[in-house]
């Protein structure tokens, strides 16, 4: 089953995470806004990974004094997508 997710981020410089998950694997990922190099790096690293592993590795990461980060928001987007399966 293929899912296309457009998740509006909260509390980060990026405004949205766009990703595709197919059979539990992240097949595509991109961020709208945020630190271009960092978000492109994160997106590139998670492609091909199991979605639940991405959540395990990225959930709870903070950015400076913020309570969240772009990686944490990606984990939240995946968790939300997994609820609807």
PDB file of N, CA and C in Angstrom:
ATOM      1  N   UNK A   1       0.833  -1.178   0.000  1.00  0.00           N
ATOM      2  CA  UNK A   1       0.000   0.000   0.000  1.00  0.00           C
ATOM      3  C   UNK A   1       0.882   1.247   0.000  1.00  0.00           C
ATOM      4  N   UNK A   2       0.565   2.197  -0.869  1.00  0.00           N
ATOM      5  CA  UNK A   2       1.333   3.422  -0.981  1.00  0.00           C
ATOM      6  C   UNK A   2       0.559   4.577  -0.338  1.00  0.00           C
ATOM      7  N   UNK A   3       1.272   5.366   0.475  1.00  0.00           N
ATOM      8  CA  UNK A   3       0.682   6.530   1.110  1.00  0.00           C
ATOM      9  C   UNK A   3       1.465   7.774   0.710  1.00  0.00           C
ATOM     10  N   UNK A   4       0.758   8.835   0.420  1.00  0.00           N
ATOM     11  CA  UNK A   4       1.376  10.127   0.155  1.00  0.00           C
ATOM     12  C   UNK A   4       0.930  11.044   1.286  1.00  0.00           C
ATOM     13  N   UNK A   5       1.891  11.638   2.003  1.00  0.00           N
ATOM     14  CA  UNK A   5       1.591  12.447   3.175  1.00  0.00           C
ATOM     15  C   UNK A   5       2.119  13.860   2.971  1.00  0.00           C
ATOM     16  N   UNK A   6       1.281  14.836   3.272  1.00  0.00           N
ATOM     17  CA  UNK A   6       1.683  16.236   3.310  1.00  0.00           C
ATOM     18  C   UNK A   6       1.346  16.722   4.713  1.00  0.00           C
ATOM     19  N   UNK A   7       2.374  16.844   5.544  1.00  0.00           N
ATOM     20  CA  UNK A   7       2.206  17.136   6.966  1.00  0.00           C
ATOM     21  C   UNK A   7       2.671  18.555   7.258  1.00  0.00           C
ATOM     22  N   UNK A   8       1.765  19.391   7.766  1.00  0.00           N
ATOM     23  CA  UNK A   8       2.123  20.757   8.146  1.00  0.00           C
ATOM     24  C   UNK A   8       2.849  20.712   9.484  1.00  0.00           C
ATOM     25  N   UNK A   9       4.085  21.163   9.471  1.00  0.00           N
ATOM     26  CA  UNK A   9       4.911  21.111  10.678  1.00  0.00           C
ATOM     27  C   UNK A   9       4.486  22.191  11.667  1.00  0.00           C
ATOM     28  N   UNK A  10       4.863  21.965  12.916  1.00  0.00           N
ATOM     29  CA  UNK A  10       4.549  22.899  13.993  1.00  0.00           C
ATOM     30  C   UNK A  10       5.822  23.170  14.792  1.00  0.00           C
ATOM     31  N   UNK A  11       6.160  24.442  14.987  1.00  0.00           N
ATOM     32  CA  UNK A  11       7.287  24.803  15.835  1.00  0.00           C
ATOM     33  C   UNK A  11       8.654  24.706  15.191  1.00  0.00           C
ATOM     34  N   UNK A  12       8.707  24.640  13.851  1.00  0.00           N
ATOM     35  CA  UNK A  12      10.000  24.542  13.165  1.00  0.00           C
ATOM     36  C   UNK A  12      10.082  25.575  12.048  1.00  0.00           C
ATOM     37  N   UNK A  13      11.280  25.768  11.526  1.00  0.00           N
ATOM     38  CA  UNK A  13      11.474  26.675  10.390  1.00  0.00           C
ATOM     39  C   UNK A  13      10.838  26.100   9.125  1.00  0.00           C
ATOM     40  N   UNK A  14      10.873  24.783   8.985  1.00  0.00           N
ATOM     41  CA  UNK A  14      10.205  24.172   7.826  1.00  0.00           C
ATOM     42  C   UNK A  14       8.695  24.292   8.021  1.00  0.00           C
ATOM     43  N   UNK A  15       7.974  24.384   6.910  1.00  0.00           N
ATOM     44  CA  UNK A  15       6.522  24.548   6.967  1.00  0.00           C
ATOM     45  C   UNK A  15       5.764  23.257   6.690  1.00  0.00           C
ATOM     46  N   UNK A  16       6.427  22.321   6.021  1.00  0.00           N
ATOM     47  CA  UNK A  16       5.740  21.095   5.641  1.00  0.00           C
ATOM     48  C   UNK A  16       6.752  19.990   5.355  1.00  0.00           C
ATOM     49  N   UNK A  17       6.320  18.752   5.641  1.00  0.00           N
ATOM     50  CA  UNK A  17       7.066  17.562   5.247  1.00  0.00           C
ATOM     51  C   UNK A  17       6.189  16.828   4.235  1.00  0.00           C
ATOM     52  N   UNK A  18       6.768  16.473   3.111  1.00  0.00           N
ATOM     53  CA  UNK A  18       6.047  15.722   2.077  1.00  0.00           C
ATOM     54  C   UNK A  18       6.766  14.390   1.927  1.00  0.00           C
ATOM     55  N   UNK A  19       6.038  13.287   2.092  1.00  0.00           N
ATOM     56  CA  UNK A  19       6.694  11.990   1.968  1.00  0.00           C
ATOM     57  C   UNK A  19       5.768  10.932   1.418  1.00  0.00           C
ATOM     58  N   UNK A  20       6.378   9.913   0.871  1.00  0.00           N
ATOM     59  CA  UNK A  20       5.679   8.730   0.380  1.00  0.00           C
ATOM     60  C   UNK A  20       6.193   7.537   1.149  1.00  0.00           C
ATOM     61  N   UNK A  21       5.262   6.704   1.565  1.00  0.00           N
ATOM     62  CA  UNK A  21       5.594   5.457   2.249  1.00  0.00           C
ATOM     63  C   UNK A  21       4.906   4.336   1.488  1.00  0.00           C
ATOM     64  N   UNK A  22       5.681   3.317   1.139  1.00  0.00           N
ATOM     65  CA  UNK A  22       5.122   2.172   0.427  1.00  0.00           C
ATOM     66  C   UNK A  22       5.554   0.898   1.138  1.00  0.00           C
ATOM     67  N   UNK A  23       4.566   0.111   1.548  1.00  0.00           N
ATOM     68  CA  UNK A  23       4.823  -1.138   2.261  1.00  0.00           C
ATOM     69  C   UNK A  23       5.766  -0.943   3.447  1.00  0.00           C
ATOM     70  N   UNK A  24       5.556   0.162   4.186  1.00  0.00           N
ATOM     71  CA  UNK A  24       6.337   0.416   5.391  1.00  0.00           C
ATOM     72  C   UNK A  24       7.715   1.007   5.166  1.00  0.00           C
ATOM     73  N   UNK A  25       8.047   1.357   3.907  1.00  0.00           N
ATOM     74  CA  UNK A  25       9.352   1.912   3.560  1.00  0.00           C
ATOM     75  C   UNK A  25       9.166   3.346   3.056  1.00  0.00           C
ATOM     76  N   UNK A  26       9.989   4.270   3.545  1.00  0.00           N
ATOM     77  CA  UNK A  26       9.963   5.647   3.060  1.00  0.00           C
ATOM     78  C   UNK A  26      10.592   5.657   1.670  1.00  0.00           C
ATOM     79  N   UNK A  27       9.795   5.997   0.655  1.00  0.00           N
ATOM     80  CA  UNK A  27      10.299   5.989  -0.720  1.00  0.00           C
ATOM     81  C   UNK A  27      10.646   7.378  -1.233  1.00  0.00           C
ATOM     82  N   UNK A  28      10.106   8.409  -0.595  1.00  0.00           N
ATOM     83  CA  UNK A  28      10.425   9.774  -0.989  1.00  0.00           C
ATOM     84  C   UNK A  28      10.170  10.694   0.199  1.00  0.00           C
ATOM     85  N   UNK A  29      10.953  11.742   0.309  1.00  0.00           N
ATOM     86  CA  UNK A  29      10.811  12.679   1.422  1.00  0.00           C
ATOM     87  C   UNK A  29      11.387  14.021   1.007  1.00  0.00           C
ATOM     88  N   UNK A  30      10.674  15.093   1.360  1.00  0.00           N
ATOM     89  CA  UNK A  30      11.191  16.440   1.155  1.00  0.00           C
ATOM     90  C   UNK A  30      10.557  17.375   2.175  1.00  0.00           C
ATOM     91  N   UNK A  31      11.207  18.495   2.393  1.00  0.00           N
ATOM     92  CA  UNK A  31      10.730  19.514   3.324  1.00  0.00           C
ATOM     93  C   UNK A  31      10.475  20.789   2.544  1.00  0.00           C
ATOM     94  N   UNK A  32       9.484  21.558   2.976  1.00  0.00           N
ATOM     95  CA  UNK A  32       9.239  22.882   2.431  1.00  0.00           C
ATOM     96  C   UNK A  32       9.736  23.866   3.485  1.00  0.00           C
ATOM     97  N   UNK A  33      10.737  24.642   3.127  1.00  0.00           N
ATOM     98  CA  UNK A  33      11.331  25.577   4.073  1.00  0.00           C
ATOM     99  C   UNK A  33      12.358  24.885   4.949  1.00  0.00           C
ATOM    100  N   UNK A  34      12.821  25.602   5.943  1.00  0.00           N
ATOM    101  CA  UNK A  34      13.827  25.044   6.847  1.00  0.00           C
ATOM    102  C   UNK A  34      15.224  25.255   6.309  1.00  0.00           C
ATOM    103  N   UNK A  35      16.197  24.730   7.004  1.00  0.00           N
ATOM    104  CA  UNK A  35      17.605  24.826   6.605  1.00  0.00           C
ATOM    105  C   UNK A  35      17.841  23.867   5.439  1.00  0.00           C
ATOM    106  N   UNK A  36      18.030  24.420   4.263  1.00  0.00           N
ATOM    107  CA  UNK A  36      18.044  23.620   3.034  1.00  0.00           C
ATOM    108  C   UNK A  36      19.008  22.436   3.076  1.00  0.00           C
ATOM    109  N   UNK A  37      20.217  22.649   3.517  1.00  0.00           N
ATOM    110  CA  UNK A  37      21.196  21.559   3.556  1.00  0.00           C
ATOM    111  C   UNK A  37      20.815  20.474   4.539  1.00  0.00           C
ATOM    112  N   UNK A  38      20.377  20.879   5.724  1.00  0.00           N
ATOM    113  CA  UNK A  38      20.009  19.901   6.746  1.00  0.00           C
ATOM    114  C   UNK A  38      18.776  19.100   6.350  1.00  0.00           C
ATOM    115  N   UNK A  39      17.746  19.789   5.862  1.00  0.00           N
ATOM    116  CA  UNK A  39      16.519  19.058   5.511  1.00  0.00           C
ATOM    117  C   UNK A  39      16.745  18.159   4.300  1.00  0.00           C
ATOM    118  N   UNK A  40      17.559  18.606   3.344  1.00  0.00           N
ATOM    119  CA  UNK A  40      17.874  17.742   2.196  1.00  0.00           C
ATOM    120  C   UNK A  40      18.666  16.521   2.655  1.00  0.00           C
ATOM    121  N   UNK A  41      19.573  16.718   3.615  1.00  0.00           N
ATOM    122  CA  UNK A  41      20.357  15.603   4.151  1.00  0.00           C
ATOM    123  C   UNK A  41      19.481  14.591   4.866  1.00  0.00           C
ATOM    124  N   UNK A  42      18.579  15.079   5.714  1.00  0.00           N
ATOM    125  CA  UNK A  42      17.655  14.189   6.427  1.00  0.00           C
ATOM    126  C   UNK A  42      16.811  13.415   5.427  1.00  0.00           C
ATOM    127  N   UNK A  43      16.248  14.134   4.452  1.00  0.00           N
ATOM    128  CA  UNK A  43      15.395  13.489   3.454  1.00  0.00           C
ATOM    129  C   UNK A  43      16.153  12.400   2.706  1.00  0.00           C
ATOM    130  N   UNK A  44      17.387  12.694   2.326  1.00  0.00           N
ATOM    131  CA  UNK A  44      18.193  11.701   1.608  1.00  0.00           C
ATOM    132  C   UNK A  44      18.516  10.486   2.455  1.00  0.00           C
ATOM    133  N   UNK A  45      18.772  10.706   3.729  1.00  0.00           N
ATOM    134  CA  UNK A  45      19.126   9.590   4.610  1.00  0.00           C
ATOM    135  C   UNK A  45      17.958   8.646   4.877  1.00  0.00           C
ATOM    136  N   UNK A  46      16.741   9.181   4.971  1.00  0.00           N
ATOM    137  CA  UNK A  46      15.613   8.323   5.336  1.00  0.00           C
ATOM    138  C   UNK A  46      15.020   7.557   4.159  1.00  0.00           C
ATOM    139  N   UNK A  47      15.323   7.964   2.930  1.00  0.00           N
ATOM    140  CA  UNK A  47      14.799   7.233   1.763  1.00  0.00           C
ATOM    141  C   UNK A  47      15.328   5.807   1.779  1.00  0.00           C
ATOM    142  N   UNK A  48      14.410   4.863   1.682  1.00  0.00           N
ATOM    143  CA  UNK A  48      14.772   3.453   1.702  1.00  0.00           C
ATOM    144  C   UNK A  48      14.732   2.834   3.090  1.00  0.00           C
ATOM    145  N   UNK A  49      14.539   3.659   4.112  1.00  0.00           N
ATOM    146  CA  UNK A  49      14.480   3.140   5.489  1.00  0.00           C
ATOM    147  C   UNK A  49      13.054   2.694   5.831  1.00  0.00           C
ATOM    148  N   UNK A  50      12.966   1.763   6.773  1.00  0.00           N
ATOM    149  CA  UNK A  50      11.666   1.381   7.306  1.00  0.00           C
ATOM    150  C   UNK A  50      11.105   2.575   8.067  1.00  0.00           C
ATOM    151  N   UNK A  51       9.828   2.852   7.852  1.00  0.00           N
ATOM    152  CA  UNK A  51       9.192   4.010   8.474  1.00  0.00           C
ATOM    153  C   UNK A  51       9.282   3.953   9.999  1.00  0.00           C
ATOM    154  N   UNK A  52       9.077   2.780  10.578  1.00  0.00           N
ATOM    155  CA  UNK A  52       9.123   2.689  12.044  1.00  0.00           C
ATOM    156  C   UNK A  52      10.536   2.922  12.578  1.00  0.00           C
ATOM    157  N   UNK A  53      11.551   2.585  11.804  1.00  0.00           N
ATOM    158  CA  UNK A  53      12.928   2.847  12.215  1.00  0.00           C
ATOM    159  C   UNK A  53      13.231   4.346  12.170  1.00  0.00           C
ATOM    160  N   UNK A  54      12.685   5.039  11.170  1.00  0.00           N
ATOM    161  CA  UNK A  54      12.856   6.485  11.088  1.00  0.00           C
ATOM    162  C   UNK A  54      12.278   7.133  12.347  1.00  0.00           C
ATOM    163  N   UNK A  55      11.077   6.716  12.724  1.00  0.00           N
ATOM    164  CA  UNK A  55      10.432   7.259  13.924  1.00  0.00           C
ATOM    165  C   UNK A  55      11.297   6.993  15.149  1.00  0.00           C
ATOM    166  N   UNK A  56      11.764   5.765  15.275  1.00  0.00           N
ATOM    167  CA  UNK A  56      12.586   5.379  16.434  1.00  0.00           C
ATOM    168  C   UNK A  56      13.844   6.240  16.544  1.00  0.00           C
ATOM    169  N   UNK A  57      14.466   6.537  15.420  1.00  0.00           N
ATOM    170  CA  UNK A  57      15.726   7.283  15.434  1.00  0.00           C
ATOM    171  C   UNK A  57      15.539   8.787  15.586  1.00  0.00           C
ATOM    172  N   UNK A  58      14.440   9.336  15.050  1.00  0.00           N
ATOM    173  CA  UNK A  58      14.302  10.792  14.980  1.00  0.00           C
ATOM    174  C   UNK A  58      13.350  11.407  15.995  1.00  0.00           C
ATOM    175  N   UNK A  59      12.445  10.619  16.539  1.00  0.00           N
ATOM    176  CA  UNK A  59      11.449  11.157  17.466  1.00  0.00           C
ATOM    177  C   UNK A  59      12.135  11.738  18.704  1.00  0.00           C
ATOM    178  N   UNK A  60      11.736  12.950  19.059  1.00  0.00           N
ATOM    179  CA  UNK A  60      12.250  13.586  20.266  1.00  0.00           C
ATOM    180  C   UNK A  60      13.473  14.466  20.077  1.00  0.00           C
ATOM    181  N   UNK A  61      14.045  14.488  18.877  1.00  0.00           N
ATOM    182  CA  UNK A  61      15.196  15.364  18.630  1.00  0.00           C
ATOM    183  C   UNK A  61      14.725  16.813  18.719  1.00  0.00           C
ATOM    184  N   UNK A  62      15.506  17.626  19.409  1.00  0.00           N
ATOM    185  CA  UNK A  62      15.159  19.033  19.589  1.00  0.00           C
ATOM    186  C   UNK A  62      16.119  19.913  18.805  1.00  0.00           C
ATOM    187  N   UNK A  63      15.664  21.110  18.474  1.00  0.00           N
ATOM    188  CA  UNK A  63      16.490  22.099  17.772  1.00  0.00           C
ATOM    189  C   UNK A  63      16.692  23.274  18.718  1.00  0.00           C
ATOM    190  N   UNK A  64      17.896  23.400  19.263  1.00  0.00           N
ATOM    191  CA  UNK A  64      18.180  24.483  20.202  1.00  0.00           C
ATOM    192  C   UNK A  64      17.241  24.438  21.394  1.00  0.00           C
ATOM    193  N   UNK A  65      16.589  25.549  21.658  1.00  0.00           N
ATOM    194  CA  UNK A  65      15.667  25.635  22.791  1.00  0.00           C
ATOM    195  C   UNK A  65      14.239  25.243  22.423  1.00  0.00           C
ATOM    196  N   UNK A  66      14.016  24.896  21.176  1.00  0.00           N
ATOM    197  CA  UNK A  66      12.680  24.474  20.739  1.00  0.00           C
ATOM    198  C   UNK A  66      12.372  23.083  21.290  1.00  0.00           C
ATOM    199  N   UNK A  67      11.107  22.778  21.420  1.00  0.00           N
ATOM    200  CA  UNK A  67      10.715  21.457  21.923  1.00  0.00           C
ATOM    201  C   UNK A  67      10.621  20.428  20.816  1.00  0.00           C
ATOM    202  N   UNK A  68      10.904  20.829  19.584  1.00  0.00           N
ATOM    203  CA  UNK A  68      10.816  19.933  18.432  1.00  0.00           C
ATOM    204  C   UNK A  68      11.920  20.305  17.439  1.00  0.00           C
ATOM    205  N   UNK A  69      11.926  19.639  16.296  1.00  0.00           N
ATOM    206  CA  UNK A  69      12.900  19.904  15.228  1.00  0.00           C
ATOM    207  C   UNK A  69      12.320  19.371  13.929  1.00  0.00           C
ATOM    208  N   UNK A  70      12.989  19.638  12.827  1.00  0.00           N
ATOM    209  CA  UNK A  70      12.534  19.073  11.541  1.00  0.00           C
ATOM    210  C   UNK A  70      12.558  17.542  11.572  1.00  0.00           C
ATOM    211  N   UNK A  71      13.610  16.896  12.111  1.00  0.00           N
ATOM    212  CA  UNK A  71      13.581  15.437  12.193  1.00  0.00           C
ATOM    213  C   UNK A  71      12.432  14.924  13.072  1.00  0.00           C
ATOM    214  N   UNK A  72      12.172  15.605  14.185  1.00  0.00           N
ATOM    215  CA  UNK A  72      11.071  15.210  15.066  1.00  0.00           C
ATOM    216  C   UNK A  72       9.728  15.358  14.352  1.00  0.00           C
ATOM    217  N   UNK A  73       9.576  16.431  13.583  1.00  0.00           N
ATOM    218  CA  UNK A  73       8.329  16.627  12.842  1.00  0.00           C
ATOM    219  C   UNK A  73       8.157  15.555  11.763  1.00  0.00           C
ATOM    220  N   UNK A  74       9.242  15.120  11.161  1.00  0.00           N
ATOM    221  CA  UNK A  74       9.182  14.010  10.200  1.00  0.00           C
ATOM    222  C   UNK A  74       8.690  12.750  10.901  1.00  0.00           C
ATOM    223  N   UNK A  75       9.209  12.481  12.086  1.00  0.00           N
ATOM    224  CA  UNK A  75       8.764  11.317  12.861  1.00  0.00           C
ATOM    225  C   UNK A  75       7.273  11.419  13.170  1.00  0.00           C
ATOM    226  N   UNK A  76       6.807  12.611  13.524  1.00  0.00           N
ATOM    227  CA  UNK A  76       5.384  12.808  13.825  1.00  0.00           C
ATOM    228  C   UNK A  76       4.529  12.614  12.583  1.00  0.00           C
ATOM    229  N   UNK A  77       5.015  13.058  11.429  1.00  0.00           N
ATOM    230  CA  UNK A  77       4.281  12.857  10.179  1.00  0.00           C
ATOM    231  C   UNK A  77       4.125  11.369   9.877  1.00  0.00           C
ATOM    232  N   UNK A  78       5.189  10.612  10.088  1.00  0.00           N
ATOM    233  CA  UNK A  78       5.140   9.171   9.844  1.00  0.00           C
ATOM    234  C   UNK A  78       4.203   8.496  10.833  1.00  0.00           C
ATOM    235  N   UNK A  79       4.281   8.880  12.102  1.00  0.00           N
ATOM    236  CA  UNK A  79       3.381   8.292  13.104  1.00  0.00           C
ATOM    237  C   UNK A  79       1.921   8.537  12.733  1.00  0.00           C
ATOM    238  N   UNK A  80       1.619   9.755  12.300  1.00  0.00           N
ATOM    239  CA  UNK A  80       0.250  10.077  11.908  1.00  0.00           C
ATOM    240  C   UNK A  80      -0.178   9.230  10.698  1.00  0.00           C
ATOM    241  N   UNK A  81       0.724   9.064   9.753  1.00  0.00           N
ATOM    242  CA  UNK A  81       0.408   8.258   8.570  1.00  0.00           C
ATOM    243  C   UNK A  81       0.171   6.801   8.946  1.00  0.00           C
ATOM    244  N   UNK A  82       0.939   6.305   9.902  1.00  0.00           N
ATOM    245  CA  UNK A  82       0.809   4.894  10.303  1.00  0.00           C
ATOM    246  C   UNK A  82      -0.511   4.655  11.035  1.00  0.00           C
ATOM    247  N   UNK A  83      -1.078   5.679  11.662  1.00  0.00           N
ATOM    248  CA  UNK A  83      -2.370   5.549  12.333  1.00  0.00           C
ATOM    249  C   UNK A  83      -3.500   5.294  11.336  1.00  0.00           C
ATOM    250  N   UNK A  84      -3.358   5.849  10.135  1.00  0.00           N
ATOM    251  CA  UNK A  84      -4.423   5.754   9.143  1.00  0.00           C
ATOM    252  C   UNK A  84      -4.356   4.484   8.295  1.00  0.00           C
ATOM    253  N   UNK A  85      -3.400   3.623   8.572  1.00  0.00           N
ATOM    254  CA  UNK A  85      -3.252   2.384   7.780  1.00  0.00           C
ATOM    255  C   UNK A  85      -4.111   1.302   8.398  1.00  0.00           C
TER     256      UNK A  85
END
